[in-house]
Amino acid sequence: MDFVSGLCCLLAAYVFFRLLMHTYRKQRLMKKYGDSEVVRRIMEKTIWEGMTSEQLADCLGRPLDIDERLTRKSMTKTLKYRRIGRGRYGTRVTVRDGRVIGWDVK
């Protein structure tokens, strides 16, 4: 097998693996949420108002930093993703009492 053939085989294996992982993740999310629209949004990494903290974690992963603010009535968190500089983040998602209420993407 020459270099080009080996590279093609390696690329095909990588594409197959990625497709397999995508399918597995989609099935796992469908089992967890039971709603194809929610699963589609999570798979597309779409944030929406009212999504739960758990859906956000499945969508974007663990945040790099969290700011918390507690009042007598509620707990508000700002979850930060995509570091773009020292103390700067490209995506900030505001969650109040376990639900997304807003976000900012730069």
Protein backbone atom coordinates (compact mmCIF):
# COMPACT_ATOMS: atom_id res chain seq x y z
CA MET A 1 0.00 0.00 0.00
CA ASP A 2 1.45 3.35 -0.97
CA PHE A 3 1.27 6.56 1.04
CA VAL A 4 -1.77 8.00 -0.79
CA SER A 5 -3.78 4.79 -0.41
CA GLY A 6 -2.93 4.65 3.28
CA LEU A 7 -3.93 8.26 3.73
CA CYS A 8 -7.25 7.65 1.95
CA CYS A 9 -7.97 4.65 4.20
CA LEU A 10 -7.14 6.69 7.28
CA LEU A 11 -9.41 9.53 6.14
CA ALA A 12 -12.25 7.11 5.39
CA ALA A 13 -11.88 5.55 8.85
CA TYR A 14 -11.93 9.00 10.46
CA VAL A 15 -15.09 10.03 8.55
CA PHE A 16 -16.78 6.74 9.47
CA PHE A 17 -15.85 7.20 13.14
CA ARG A 18 -17.21 10.78 13.19
CA LEU A 19 -20.47 9.64 11.57
CA LEU A 20 -20.78 6.81 14.07
CA MET A 21 -20.20 9.18 17.02
CA HIS A 22 -22.72 11.70 15.60
CA THR A 23 -25.35 8.95 15.30
CA TYR A 24 -24.63 7.64 18.80
CA ARG A 25 -24.89 11.14 20.30
CA LYS A 26 -28.16 11.82 18.49
CA GLN A 27 -29.66 8.53 19.73
CA ARG A 28 -28.50 9.22 23.30
CA LEU A 29 -30.06 12.71 23.24
CA MET A 30 -33.29 11.37 21.74
CA LYS A 31 -33.53 8.79 24.51
CA LYS A 32 -32.84 11.50 27.11
CA TYR A 33 -35.24 14.19 25.82
CA GLY A 34 -37.71 12.32 23.60
CA ASP A 35 -38.20 15.40 21.41
CA SER A 36 -36.68 15.51 17.94
CA GLU A 37 -36.84 19.34 17.76
CA VAL A 38 -34.88 19.70 21.03
CA VAL A 39 -32.34 17.14 19.81
CA ARG A 40 -31.96 18.94 16.46
CA ARG A 41 -31.32 22.26 18.21
CA ILE A 42 -28.77 20.73 20.58
CA MET A 43 -26.97 18.95 17.72
CA GLU A 44 -26.82 22.25 15.80
CA LYS A 45 -25.46 24.01 18.93
CA THR A 46 -28.42 26.41 18.96
CA ILE A 47 -29.22 28.31 22.16
CA TRP A 48 -32.84 29.25 22.85
CA GLU A 49 -34.73 31.05 25.56
CA GLY A 50 -36.20 28.63 28.06
CA MET A 51 -33.77 25.77 27.45
CA THR A 52 -32.70 24.04 30.64
CA SER A 53 -29.21 24.11 32.13
CA GLU A 54 -28.91 20.41 31.28
CA GLN A 55 -29.84 21.05 27.63
CA LEU A 56 -27.31 23.88 27.54
CA ALA A 57 -24.60 21.56 28.88
CA ASP A 58 -25.47 18.97 26.20
CA CYS A 59 -25.39 21.74 23.59
CA LEU A 60 -22.21 23.66 24.44
CA GLY A 61 -20.46 21.49 27.02
CA ARG A 62 -19.03 22.69 30.30
CA PRO A 63 -18.48 26.45 30.60
CA LEU A 64 -14.97 27.80 31.03
CA ASP A 65 -16.11 30.17 33.80
CA ILE A 66 -19.28 30.95 35.76
CA ASP A 67 -20.42 34.12 37.51
CA GLU A 68 -23.20 33.64 40.09
CA ARG A 69 -25.55 36.21 41.56
CA LEU A 70 -28.00 35.28 44.32
CA THR A 71 -30.96 37.44 45.26
CA ARG A 72 -33.78 36.71 47.67
CA LYS A 73 -35.96 35.59 44.76
CA SER A 74 -33.63 33.80 42.35
CA MET A 75 -30.18 32.52 41.37
CA THR A 76 -28.72 33.97 38.19
CA LYS A 77 -25.63 32.50 36.55
CA THR A 78 -23.61 33.74 33.60
CA LEU A 79 -21.92 30.81 31.89
CA LYS A 80 -18.93 31.72 29.73
CA TYR A 81 -17.72 29.83 26.66
CA ARG A 82 -15.07 30.35 23.94
CA ARG A 83 -12.25 32.31 25.54
CA ILE A 84 -11.12 35.09 23.19
CA GLY A 85 -8.68 36.84 25.49
CA ARG A 86 -7.74 37.34 29.09
CA GLY A 87 -11.06 37.55 30.94
CA ARG A 88 -12.94 37.81 27.63
CA TYR A 89 -15.35 35.23 26.24
CA GLY A 90 -17.05 34.93 22.87
CA THR A 91 -20.25 33.43 24.25
CA ARG A 92 -22.02 34.31 27.50
CA VAL A 93 -25.27 32.62 28.48
CA THR A 94 -27.45 33.91 31.32
CA VAL A 95 -29.40 31.28 33.26
CA ARG A 96 -31.95 32.09 35.97
CA ASP A 97 -33.36 29.30 38.12
CA GLY A 98 -32.16 26.63 35.70
CA ARG A 99 -33.50 28.19 32.46
CA VAL A 100 -31.75 30.24 29.78
CA ILE A 101 -33.03 33.83 29.78
CA GLY A 102 -30.52 35.39 27.41
CA TRP A 103 -27.13 35.16 25.69
CA ASP A 104 -24.51 37.19 23.92
CA VAL A 105 -22.36 35.80 21.10
CA LYS A 106 -19.50 37.88 19.75
